[in-house]
Amino acid sequence: MVTPREGDVGGELRFRLSKVLTAHAAVMAGLSIAHSLQMRGLRGTLLFAALGHAVPTLGEHVAINVLKELCHRVEPQAQDVPLAITLGWYPISYAAFAMV
């Protein structure tokens, strides 16, 4: 994880915000998975988790690395795709799926 430089007030704020955003995304994804396990069982949860993580992450990867349309500054990242973004798409897609 990249740490902010000393004296960089904006960098320190972005660094702390990245940590909070990633923690929030992880908690929300965990709650969505717990709800899915209770309502749909292990098989349905694993199937939706695979699709709910793979498709958005692939889309982000294409938009960032292939099309060069996005540039996220949230840390930590894997191949320029932030973990918070990957985890954040799951609760969004699961909530929409659960309402249908």
PDB file of N, CA and C in Angstrom:
ATOM      1  N   MET A   1       0.845  -1.172   0.000  1.00  0.00           N
ATOM      2  CA  MET A   1       0.000   0.000   0.000  1.00  0.00           C
ATOM      3  C   MET A   1       0.891   1.237   0.000  1.00  0.00           C
ATOM      4  N   VAL A   2       0.514   2.219  -0.760  1.00  0.00           N
ATOM      5  CA  VAL A   2       1.266   3.453  -0.855  1.00  0.00           C
ATOM      6  C   VAL A   2       0.913   4.337   0.324  1.00  0.00           C
ATOM      7  N   THR A   3       1.945   4.899   0.964  1.00  0.00           N
ATOM      8  CA  THR A   3       1.708   5.806   2.079  1.00  0.00           C
ATOM      9  C   THR A   3       1.912   7.241   1.605  1.00  0.00           C
ATOM     10  N   PRO A   4       1.233   8.192   2.215  1.00  0.00           N
ATOM     11  CA  PRO A   4       1.373   9.585   1.790  1.00  0.00           C
ATOM     12  C   PRO A   4       2.721  10.160   2.184  1.00  0.00           C
ATOM     13  N   ARG A   5       3.153  11.157   1.444  1.00  0.00           N
ATOM     14  CA  ARG A   5       4.408  11.844   1.759  1.00  0.00           C
ATOM     15  C   ARG A   5       4.185  12.773   2.945  1.00  0.00           C
ATOM     16  N   GLU A   6       5.263  13.028   3.697  1.00  0.00           N
ATOM     17  CA  GLU A   6       5.154  13.944   4.830  1.00  0.00           C
ATOM     18  C   GLU A   6       4.854  15.346   4.330  1.00  0.00           C
ATOM     19  N   GLY A   7       3.958  16.023   5.006  1.00  0.00           N
ATOM     20  CA  GLY A   7       3.609  17.381   4.642  1.00  0.00           C
ATOM     21  C   GLY A   7       2.554  17.473   3.552  1.00  0.00           C
ATOM     22  N   ASP A   8       2.152  16.353   2.987  1.00  0.00           N
ATOM     23  CA  ASP A   8       1.133  16.343   1.935  1.00  0.00           C
ATOM     24  C   ASP A   8      -0.227  16.160   2.596  1.00  0.00           C
ATOM     25  N   VAL A   9      -0.878  17.280   2.922  1.00  0.00           N
ATOM     26  CA  VAL A   9      -2.149  17.231   3.650  1.00  0.00           C
ATOM     27  C   VAL A   9      -3.224  16.541   2.818  1.00  0.00           C
ATOM     28  N   GLY A  10      -3.342  16.883   1.540  1.00  0.00           N
ATOM     29  CA  GLY A  10      -4.328  16.232   0.681  1.00  0.00           C
ATOM     30  C   GLY A  10      -4.053  14.755   0.518  1.00  0.00           C
ATOM     31  N   GLY A  11      -2.770  14.379   0.457  1.00  0.00           N
ATOM     32  CA  GLY A  11      -2.392  12.972   0.333  1.00  0.00           C
ATOM     33  C   GLY A  11      -2.773  12.165   1.562  1.00  0.00           C
ATOM     34  N   GLU A  12      -2.605  12.769   2.735  1.00  0.00           N
ATOM     35  CA  GLU A  12      -2.988  12.101   3.981  1.00  0.00           C
ATOM     36  C   GLU A  12      -4.493  11.875   4.029  1.00  0.00           C
ATOM     37  N   LEU A  13      -5.246  12.872   3.606  1.00  0.00           N
ATOM     38  CA  LEU A  13      -6.695  12.748   3.583  1.00  0.00           C
ATOM     39  C   LEU A  13      -7.142  11.667   2.602  1.00  0.00           C
ATOM     40  N   ARG A  14      -6.554  11.643   1.402  1.00  0.00           N
ATOM     41  CA  ARG A  14      -6.887  10.610   0.415  1.00  0.00           C
ATOM     42  C   ARG A  14      -6.520   9.223   0.925  1.00  0.00           C
ATOM     43  N   PHE A  15      -5.376   9.123   1.618  1.00  0.00           N
ATOM     44  CA  PHE A  15      -4.930   7.843   2.173  1.00  0.00           C
ATOM     45  C   PHE A  15      -5.929   7.330   3.208  1.00  0.00           C
ATOM     46  N   ARG A  16      -6.362   8.184   4.119  1.00  0.00           N
ATOM     47  CA  ARG A  16      -7.335   7.774   5.137  1.00  0.00           C
ATOM     48  C   ARG A  16      -8.685   7.453   4.520  1.00  0.00           C
ATOM     49  N   LEU A  17      -9.102   8.239   3.552  1.00  0.00           N
ATOM     50  CA  LEU A  17     -10.374   7.993   2.887  1.00  0.00           C
ATOM     51  C   LEU A  17     -10.347   6.661   2.139  1.00  0.00           C
ATOM     52  N   SER A  18      -9.211   6.328   1.532  1.00  0.00           N
ATOM     53  CA  SER A  18      -9.078   5.037   0.843  1.00  0.00           C
ATOM     54  C   SER A  18      -9.263   3.882   1.813  1.00  0.00           C
ATOM     55  N   LYS A  19      -8.670   4.001   3.004  1.00  0.00           N
ATOM     56  CA  LYS A  19      -8.807   2.940   3.999  1.00  0.00           C
ATOM     57  C   LYS A  19     -10.248   2.794   4.465  1.00  0.00           C
ATOM     58  N   VAL A  20     -10.923   3.909   4.698  1.00  0.00           N
ATOM     59  CA  VAL A  20     -12.316   3.872   5.147  1.00  0.00           C
ATOM     60  C   VAL A  20     -13.203   3.302   4.049  1.00  0.00           C
ATOM     61  N   LEU A  21     -12.992   3.742   2.818  1.00  0.00           N
ATOM     62  CA  LEU A  21     -13.791   3.268   1.697  1.00  0.00           C
ATOM     63  C   LEU A  21     -13.625   1.765   1.481  1.00  0.00           C
ATOM     64  N   THR A  22     -12.399   1.275   1.575  1.00  0.00           N
ATOM     65  CA  THR A  22     -12.145  -0.155   1.405  1.00  0.00           C
ATOM     66  C   THR A  22     -12.776  -0.955   2.546  1.00  0.00           C
ATOM     67  N   ALA A  23     -12.674  -0.455   3.769  1.00  0.00           N
ATOM     68  CA  ALA A  23     -13.284  -1.152   4.913  1.00  0.00           C
ATOM     69  C   ALA A  23     -14.807  -1.188   4.767  1.00  0.00           C
ATOM     70  N   HIS A  24     -15.403  -0.087   4.345  1.00  0.00           N
ATOM     71  CA  HIS A  24     -16.857  -0.037   4.156  1.00  0.00           C
ATOM     72  C   HIS A  24     -17.292  -1.022   3.081  1.00  0.00           C
ATOM     73  N   ALA A  25     -16.568  -1.059   1.964  1.00  0.00           N
ATOM     74  CA  ALA A  25     -16.916  -1.987   0.880  1.00  0.00           C
ATOM     75  C   ALA A  25     -16.808  -3.435   1.351  1.00  0.00           C
ATOM     76  N   ALA A  26     -15.787  -3.736   2.162  1.00  0.00           N
ATOM     77  CA  ALA A  26     -15.618  -5.103   2.661  1.00  0.00           C
ATOM     78  C   ALA A  26     -16.764  -5.487   3.604  1.00  0.00           C
ATOM     79  N   VAL A  27     -17.171  -4.573   4.468  1.00  0.00           N
ATOM     80  CA  VAL A  27     -18.274  -4.854   5.397  1.00  0.00           C
ATOM     81  C   VAL A  27     -19.575  -5.075   4.629  1.00  0.00           C
ATOM     82  N   MET A  28     -19.857  -4.208   3.671  1.00  0.00           N
ATOM     83  CA  MET A  28     -21.090  -4.334   2.901  1.00  0.00           C
ATOM     84  C   MET A  28     -21.107  -5.620   2.069  1.00  0.00           C
ATOM     85  N   ALA A  29     -19.968  -5.975   1.485  1.00  0.00           N
ATOM     86  CA  ALA A  29     -19.896  -7.232   0.731  1.00  0.00           C
ATOM     87  C   ALA A  29     -20.105  -8.419   1.666  1.00  0.00           C
ATOM     88  N   GLY A  30     -19.530  -8.354   2.860  1.00  0.00           N
ATOM     89  CA  GLY A  30     -19.717  -9.427   3.831  1.00  0.00           C
ATOM     90  C   GLY A  30     -21.165  -9.581   4.259  1.00  0.00           C
ATOM     91  N   LEU A  31     -21.839  -8.459   4.496  1.00  0.00           N
ATOM     92  CA  LEU A  31     -23.256  -8.517   4.864  1.00  0.00           C
ATOM     93  C   LEU A  31     -24.107  -9.064   3.721  1.00  0.00           C
ATOM     94  N   SER A  32     -23.780  -8.687   2.505  1.00  0.00           N
ATOM     95  CA  SER A  32     -24.523  -9.198   1.351  1.00  0.00           C
ATOM     96  C   SER A  32     -24.323 -10.699   1.192  1.00  0.00           C
ATOM     97  N   ILE A  33     -23.103 -11.153   1.408  1.00  0.00           N
ATOM     98  CA  ILE A  33     -22.821 -12.588   1.301  1.00  0.00           C
ATOM     99  C   ILE A  33     -23.538 -13.346   2.422  1.00  0.00           C
ATOM    100  N   ALA A  34     -23.542 -12.779   3.624  1.00  0.00           N
ATOM    101  CA  ALA A  34     -24.247 -13.433   4.741  1.00  0.00           C
ATOM    102  C   ALA A  34     -25.745 -13.537   4.447  1.00  0.00           C
ATOM    103  N   HIS A  35     -26.329 -12.489   3.901  1.00  0.00           N
ATOM    104  CA  HIS A  35     -27.744 -12.527   3.553  1.00  0.00           C
ATOM    105  C   HIS A  35     -28.003 -13.552   2.458  1.00  0.00           C
ATOM    106  N   SER A  36     -27.121 -13.588   1.478  1.00  0.00           N
ATOM    107  CA  SER A  36     -27.283 -14.537   0.385  1.00  0.00           C
ATOM    108  C   SER A  36     -27.178 -15.978   0.882  1.00  0.00           C
ATOM    109  N   LEU A  37     -26.265 -16.239   1.795  1.00  0.00           N
ATOM    110  CA  LEU A  37     -26.140 -17.593   2.359  1.00  0.00           C
ATOM    111  C   LEU A  37     -27.421 -18.000   3.073  1.00  0.00           C
ATOM    112  N   GLN A  38     -27.999 -17.067   3.801  1.00  0.00           N
ATOM    113  CA  GLN A  38     -29.218 -17.375   4.539  1.00  0.00           C
ATOM    114  C   GLN A  38     -30.396 -17.600   3.598  1.00  0.00           C
ATOM    115  N   MET A  39     -30.490 -16.816   2.553  1.00  0.00           N
ATOM    116  CA  MET A  39     -31.658 -16.879   1.674  1.00  0.00           C
ATOM    117  C   MET A  39     -31.515 -17.877   0.524  1.00  0.00           C
ATOM    118  N   ARG A  40     -30.313 -18.045  -0.010  1.00  0.00           N
ATOM    119  CA  ARG A  40     -30.139 -18.857  -1.217  1.00  0.00           C
ATOM    120  C   ARG A  40     -29.246 -20.070  -1.041  1.00  0.00           C
ATOM    121  N   GLY A  41     -28.600 -20.195   0.095  1.00  0.00           N
ATOM    122  CA  GLY A  41     -27.739 -21.346   0.341  1.00  0.00           C
ATOM    123  C   GLY A  41     -26.356 -21.154  -0.260  1.00  0.00           C
ATOM    124  N   LEU A  42     -25.509 -22.141  -0.021  1.00  0.00           N
ATOM    125  CA  LEU A  42     -24.110 -22.049  -0.434  1.00  0.00           C
ATOM    126  C   LEU A  42     -23.950 -22.052  -1.946  1.00  0.00           C
ATOM    127  N   ARG A  43     -24.646 -22.933  -2.635  1.00  0.00           N
ATOM    128  CA  ARG A  43     -24.480 -23.044  -4.089  1.00  0.00           C
ATOM    129  C   ARG A  43     -24.895 -21.756  -4.813  1.00  0.00           C
ATOM    130  N   GLY A  44     -26.060 -21.222  -4.461  1.00  0.00           N
ATOM    131  CA  GLY A  44     -26.525 -19.987  -5.076  1.00  0.00           C
ATOM    132  C   GLY A  44     -25.634 -18.804  -4.754  1.00  0.00           C
ATOM    133  N   THR A  45     -25.120 -18.783  -3.520  1.00  0.00           N
ATOM    134  CA  THR A  45     -24.227 -17.707  -3.109  1.00  0.00           C
ATOM    135  C   THR A  45     -22.920 -17.760  -3.876  1.00  0.00           C
ATOM    136  N   LEU A  46     -22.342 -18.950  -3.996  1.00  0.00           N
ATOM    137  CA  LEU A  46     -21.075 -19.066  -4.726  1.00  0.00           C
ATOM    138  C   LEU A  46     -21.238 -18.719  -6.200  1.00  0.00           C
ATOM    139  N   LEU A  47     -22.331 -19.131  -6.795  1.00  0.00           N
ATOM    140  CA  LEU A  47     -22.571 -18.800  -8.197  1.00  0.00           C
ATOM    141  C   LEU A  47     -22.719 -17.293  -8.382  1.00  0.00           C
ATOM    142  N   PHE A  48     -23.530 -16.666  -7.537  1.00  0.00           N
ATOM    143  CA  PHE A  48     -23.709 -15.227  -7.671  1.00  0.00           C
ATOM    144  C   PHE A  48     -22.433 -14.476  -7.311  1.00  0.00           C
ATOM    145  N   ALA A  49     -21.682 -14.952  -6.319  1.00  0.00           N
ATOM    146  CA  ALA A  49     -20.425 -14.290  -5.948  1.00  0.00           C
ATOM    147  C   ALA A  49     -19.416 -14.346  -7.095  1.00  0.00           C
ATOM    148  N   ALA A  50     -19.352 -15.475  -7.773  1.00  0.00           N
ATOM    149  CA  ALA A  50     -18.425 -15.589  -8.910  1.00  0.00           C
ATOM    150  C   ALA A  50     -18.810 -14.606 -10.007  1.00  0.00           C
ATOM    151  N   LEU A  51     -20.095 -14.565 -10.341  1.00  0.00           N
ATOM    152  CA  LEU A  51     -20.538 -13.640 -11.379  1.00  0.00           C
ATOM    153  C   LEU A  51     -20.553 -12.199 -10.876  1.00  0.00           C
ATOM    154  N   GLY A  52     -20.942 -12.002  -9.629  1.00  0.00           N
ATOM    155  CA  GLY A  52     -21.021 -10.664  -9.060  1.00  0.00           C
ATOM    156  C   GLY A  52     -19.688 -10.002  -8.848  1.00  0.00           C
ATOM    157  N   HIS A  53     -18.625 -10.786  -8.781  1.00  0.00           N
ATOM    158  CA  HIS A  53     -17.277 -10.223  -8.669  1.00  0.00           C
ATOM    159  C   HIS A  53     -16.565 -10.217 -10.010  1.00  0.00           C
ATOM    160  N   ALA A  54     -16.726 -11.263 -10.783  1.00  0.00           N
ATOM    161  CA  ALA A  54     -15.950 -11.401 -12.017  1.00  0.00           C
ATOM    162  C   ALA A  54     -16.354 -10.396 -13.084  1.00  0.00           C
ATOM    163  N   VAL A  55     -17.628 -10.252 -13.328  1.00  0.00           N
ATOM    164  CA  VAL A  55     -18.085  -9.370 -14.418  1.00  0.00           C
ATOM    165  C   VAL A  55     -17.736  -7.900 -14.145  1.00  0.00           C
ATOM    166  N   PRO A  56     -18.069  -7.339 -12.974  1.00  0.00           N
ATOM    167  CA  PRO A  56     -17.694  -5.943 -12.733  1.00  0.00           C
ATOM    168  C   PRO A  56     -16.182  -5.714 -12.683  1.00  0.00           C
ATOM    169  N   THR A  57     -15.445  -6.668 -12.107  1.00  0.00           N
ATOM    170  CA  THR A  57     -14.000  -6.517 -12.040  1.00  0.00           C
ATOM    171  C   THR A  57     -13.391  -6.550 -13.436  1.00  0.00           C
ATOM    172  N   LEU A  58     -13.882  -7.432 -14.273  1.00  0.00           N
ATOM    173  CA  LEU A  58     -13.410  -7.474 -15.657  1.00  0.00           C
ATOM    174  C   LEU A  58     -13.747  -6.173 -16.382  1.00  0.00           C
ATOM    175  N   GLY A  59     -14.948  -5.644 -16.169  1.00  0.00           N
ATOM    176  CA  GLY A  59     -15.327  -4.372 -16.773  1.00  0.00           C
ATOM    177  C   GLY A  59     -14.439  -3.224 -16.315  1.00  0.00           C
ATOM    178  N   GLU A  60     -14.145  -3.170 -15.020  1.00  0.00           N
ATOM    179  CA  GLU A  60     -13.235  -2.139 -14.501  1.00  0.00           C
ATOM    180  C   GLU A  60     -11.843  -2.294 -15.091  1.00  0.00           C
ATOM    181  N   HIS A  61     -11.370  -3.542 -15.176  1.00  0.00           N
ATOM    182  CA  HIS A  61     -10.038  -3.791 -15.734  1.00  0.00           C
ATOM    183  C   HIS A  61      -9.960  -3.323 -17.184  1.00  0.00           C
ATOM    184  N   VAL A  62     -10.973  -3.622 -17.971  1.00  0.00           N
ATOM    185  CA  VAL A  62     -10.998  -3.194 -19.375  1.00  0.00           C
ATOM    186  C   VAL A  62     -11.045  -1.670 -19.465  1.00  0.00           C
ATOM    187  N   ALA A  63     -11.897  -1.036 -18.640  1.00  0.00           N
ATOM    188  CA  ALA A  63     -12.016   0.423 -18.685  1.00  0.00           C
ATOM    189  C   ALA A  63     -10.736   1.125 -18.257  1.00  0.00           C
ATOM    190  N   ILE A  64      -9.999   0.532 -17.314  1.00  0.00           N
ATOM    191  CA  ILE A  64      -8.783   1.155 -16.803  1.00  0.00           C
ATOM    192  C   ILE A  64      -7.583   0.845 -17.689  1.00  0.00           C
ATOM    193  N   ASN A  65      -7.350  -0.433 -17.995  1.00  0.00           N
ATOM    194  CA  ASN A  65      -6.110  -0.835 -18.657  1.00  0.00           C
ATOM    195  C   ASN A  65      -6.198  -0.922 -20.170  1.00  0.00           C
ATOM    196  N   VAL A  66      -7.359  -1.226 -20.711  1.00  0.00           N
ATOM    197  CA  VAL A  66      -7.476  -1.386 -22.169  1.00  0.00           C
ATOM    198  C   VAL A  66      -7.943  -0.083 -22.815  1.00  0.00           C
ATOM    199  N   LEU A  67      -9.077   0.432 -22.337  1.00  0.00           N
ATOM    200  CA  LEU A  67      -9.647   1.642 -22.939  1.00  0.00           C
ATOM    201  C   LEU A  67      -9.040   2.933 -22.391  1.00  0.00           C
ATOM    202  N   LYS A  68      -8.381   2.845 -21.243  1.00  0.00           N
ATOM    203  CA  LYS A  68      -7.760   4.006 -20.585  1.00  0.00           C
ATOM    204  C   LYS A  68      -8.779   5.114 -20.303  1.00  0.00           C
ATOM    205  N   GLU A  69      -9.992   4.726 -19.892  1.00  0.00           N
ATOM    206  CA  GLU A  69     -11.057   5.678 -19.615  1.00  0.00           C
ATOM    207  C   GLU A  69     -11.121   6.089 -18.146  1.00  0.00           C
ATOM    208  N   LEU A  70     -10.608   5.253 -17.250  1.00  0.00           N
ATOM    209  CA  LEU A  70     -10.691   5.516 -15.815  1.00  0.00           C
ATOM    210  C   LEU A  70      -9.308   5.500 -15.190  1.00  0.00           C
ATOM    211  N   CYS A  71      -9.179   6.234 -14.097  1.00  0.00           N
ATOM    212  CA  CYS A  71      -7.953   6.200 -13.299  1.00  0.00           C
ATOM    213  C   CYS A  71      -8.363   6.377 -11.838  1.00  0.00           C
ATOM    214  N   HIS A  72      -8.370   5.279 -11.085  1.00  0.00           N
ATOM    215  CA  HIS A  72      -8.748   5.332  -9.670  1.00  0.00           C
ATOM    216  C   HIS A  72      -7.511   5.597  -8.825  1.00  0.00           C
ATOM    217  N   ARG A  73      -7.697   6.345  -7.756  1.00  0.00           N
ATOM    218  CA  ARG A  73      -6.591   6.628  -6.837  1.00  0.00           C
ATOM    219  C   ARG A  73      -6.809   5.984  -5.470  1.00  0.00           C
ATOM    220  N   VAL A  74      -7.752   5.083  -5.387  1.00  0.00           N
ATOM    221  CA  VAL A  74      -8.041   4.381  -4.139  1.00  0.00           C
ATOM    222  C   VAL A  74      -7.084   3.209  -4.019  1.00  0.00           C
ATOM    223  N   GLU A  75      -6.508   3.037  -2.843  1.00  0.00           N
ATOM    224  CA  GLU A  75      -5.589   1.938  -2.578  1.00  0.00           C
ATOM    225  C   GLU A  75      -6.268   0.958  -1.637  1.00  0.00           C
ATOM    226  N   PRO A  76      -5.931  -0.296  -1.581  1.00  0.00           N
ATOM    227  CA  PRO A  76      -4.998  -1.062  -2.401  1.00  0.00           C
ATOM    228  C   PRO A  76      -5.593  -1.418  -3.763  1.00  0.00           C
ATOM    229  N   GLN A  77      -4.686  -1.700  -4.702  1.00  0.00           N
ATOM    230  CA  GLN A  77      -5.095  -2.029  -6.055  1.00  0.00           C
ATOM    231  C   GLN A  77      -4.438  -3.322  -6.509  1.00  0.00           C
ATOM    232  N   ALA A  78      -5.120  -4.020  -7.392  1.00  0.00           N
ATOM    233  CA  ALA A  78      -4.562  -5.193  -8.068  1.00  0.00           C
ATOM    234  C   ALA A  78      -4.722  -4.942  -9.565  1.00  0.00           C
ATOM    235  N   GLN A  79      -3.633  -4.812 -10.261  1.00  0.00           N
ATOM    236  CA  GLN A  79      -3.613  -4.481 -11.683  1.00  0.00           C
ATOM    237  C   GLN A  79      -4.441  -3.230 -11.958  1.00  0.00           C
ATOM    238  N   ASP A  80      -4.239  -2.206 -11.139  1.00  0.00           N
ATOM    239  CA  ASP A  80      -4.871  -0.888 -11.247  1.00  0.00           C
ATOM    240  C   ASP A  80      -6.363  -0.885 -10.931  1.00  0.00           C
ATOM    241  N   VAL A  81      -6.943  -1.998 -10.511  1.00  0.00           N
ATOM    242  CA  VAL A  81      -8.353  -2.043 -10.105  1.00  0.00           C
ATOM    243  C   VAL A  81      -8.396  -2.054  -8.575  1.00  0.00           C
ATOM    244  N   PRO A  82      -8.977  -1.023  -7.963  1.00  0.00           N
ATOM    245  CA  PRO A  82      -9.020  -0.954  -6.496  1.00  0.00           C
ATOM    246  C   PRO A  82      -9.879  -2.064  -5.880  1.00  0.00           C
ATOM    247  N   LEU A  83      -9.436  -2.554  -4.749  1.00  0.00           N
ATOM    248  CA  LEU A  83     -10.179  -3.575  -4.014  1.00  0.00           C
ATOM    249  C   LEU A  83     -11.555  -3.045  -3.604  1.00  0.00           C
ATOM    250  N   ALA A  84     -11.623  -1.775  -3.230  1.00  0.00           N
ATOM    251  CA  ALA A  84     -12.904  -1.192  -2.817  1.00  0.00           C
ATOM    252  C   ALA A  84     -13.916  -1.212  -3.963  1.00  0.00           C
ATOM    253  N   ILE A  85     -13.459  -1.015  -5.174  1.00  0.00           N
ATOM    254  CA  ILE A  85     -14.353  -1.029  -6.327  1.00  0.00           C
ATOM    255  C   ILE A  85     -14.859  -2.453  -6.572  1.00  0.00           C
ATOM    256  N   THR A  86     -13.948  -3.408  -6.519  1.00  0.00           N
ATOM    257  CA  THR A  86     -14.330  -4.809  -6.731  1.00  0.00           C
ATOM    258  C   THR A  86     -15.333  -5.263  -5.675  1.00  0.00           C
ATOM    259  N   LEU A  87     -15.047  -4.947  -4.416  1.00  0.00           N
ATOM    260  CA  LEU A  87     -15.963  -5.336  -3.338  1.00  0.00           C
ATOM    261  C   LEU A  87     -17.253  -4.528  -3.364  1.00  0.00           C
ATOM    262  N   GLY A  88     -17.186  -3.295  -3.812  1.00  0.00           N
ATOM    263  CA  GLY A  88     -18.355  -2.428  -3.816  1.00  0.00           C
ATOM    264  C   GLY A  88     -19.411  -2.812  -4.842  1.00  0.00           C
ATOM    265  N   TRP A  89     -18.997  -3.435  -5.938  1.00  0.00           N
ATOM    266  CA  TRP A  89     -19.966  -3.826  -6.960  1.00  0.00           C
ATOM    267  C   TRP A  89     -20.853  -4.974  -6.499  1.00  0.00           C
ATOM    268  N   TYR A  90     -20.346  -5.835  -5.636  1.00  0.00           N
ATOM    269  CA  TYR A  90     -21.124  -6.995  -5.212  1.00  0.00           C
ATOM    270  C   TYR A  90     -22.405  -6.599  -4.473  1.00  0.00           C
ATOM    271  N   PRO A  91     -22.342  -5.749  -3.447  1.00  0.00           N
ATOM    272  CA  PRO A  91     -23.593  -5.385  -2.759  1.00  0.00           C
ATOM    273  C   PRO A  91     -24.579  -4.654  -3.668  1.00  0.00           C
ATOM    274  N   ILE A  92     -24.080  -3.876  -4.596  1.00  0.00           N
ATOM    275  CA  ILE A  92     -24.968  -3.164  -5.519  1.00  0.00           C
ATOM    276  C   ILE A  92     -25.716  -4.158  -6.396  1.00  0.00           C
ATOM    277  N   SER A  93     -24.980  -5.073  -7.000  1.00  0.00           N
ATOM    278  CA  SER A  93     -25.626  -6.038  -7.889  1.00  0.00           C
ATOM    279  C   SER A  93     -26.485  -7.029  -7.105  1.00  0.00           C
ATOM    280  N   TYR A  94     -26.053  -7.413  -5.905  1.00  0.00           N
ATOM    281  CA  TYR A  94     -26.842  -8.346  -5.107  1.00  0.00           C
ATOM    282  C   TYR A  94     -28.150  -7.702  -4.649  1.00  0.00           C
ATOM    283  N   ALA A  95     -28.104  -6.442  -4.260  1.00  0.00           N
ATOM    284  CA  ALA A  95     -29.344  -5.765  -3.824  1.00  0.00           C
ATOM    285  C   ALA A  95     -30.343  -5.703  -4.969  1.00  0.00           C
ATOM    286  N   ALA A  96     -29.863  -5.403  -6.159  1.00  0.00           N
ATOM    287  CA  ALA A  96     -30.763  -5.365  -7.317  1.00  0.00           C
ATOM    288  C   ALA A  96     -31.330  -6.757  -7.599  1.00  0.00           C
ATOM    289  N   PHE A  97     -30.476  -7.786  -7.513  1.00  0.00           N
ATOM    290  CA  PHE A  97     -30.910  -9.155  -7.741  1.00  0.00           C
ATOM    291  C   PHE A  97     -31.921  -9.614  -6.684  1.00  0.00           C
ATOM    292  N   ALA A  98     -31.693  -9.255  -5.432  1.00  0.00           N
ATOM    293  CA  ALA A  98     -32.556  -9.686  -4.342  1.00  0.00           C
ATOM    294  C   ALA A  98     -33.936  -9.052  -4.421  1.00  0.00           C
ATOM    295  N   MET A  99     -34.019  -7.869  -5.004  1.00  0.00           N
ATOM    296  CA  MET A  99     -35.313  -7.182  -5.107  1.00  0.00           C
ATOM    297  C   MET A  99     -36.169  -7.723  -6.230  1.00  0.00           C
ATOM    298  N   VAL A 100     -35.573  -8.413  -7.180  1.00  0.00           N
ATOM    299  CA  VAL A 100     -36.322  -8.897  -8.343  1.00  0.00           C
ATOM    300  C   VAL A 100     -36.988 -10.215  -8.034  1.00  0.00           C
TER     301      VAL A 100
END
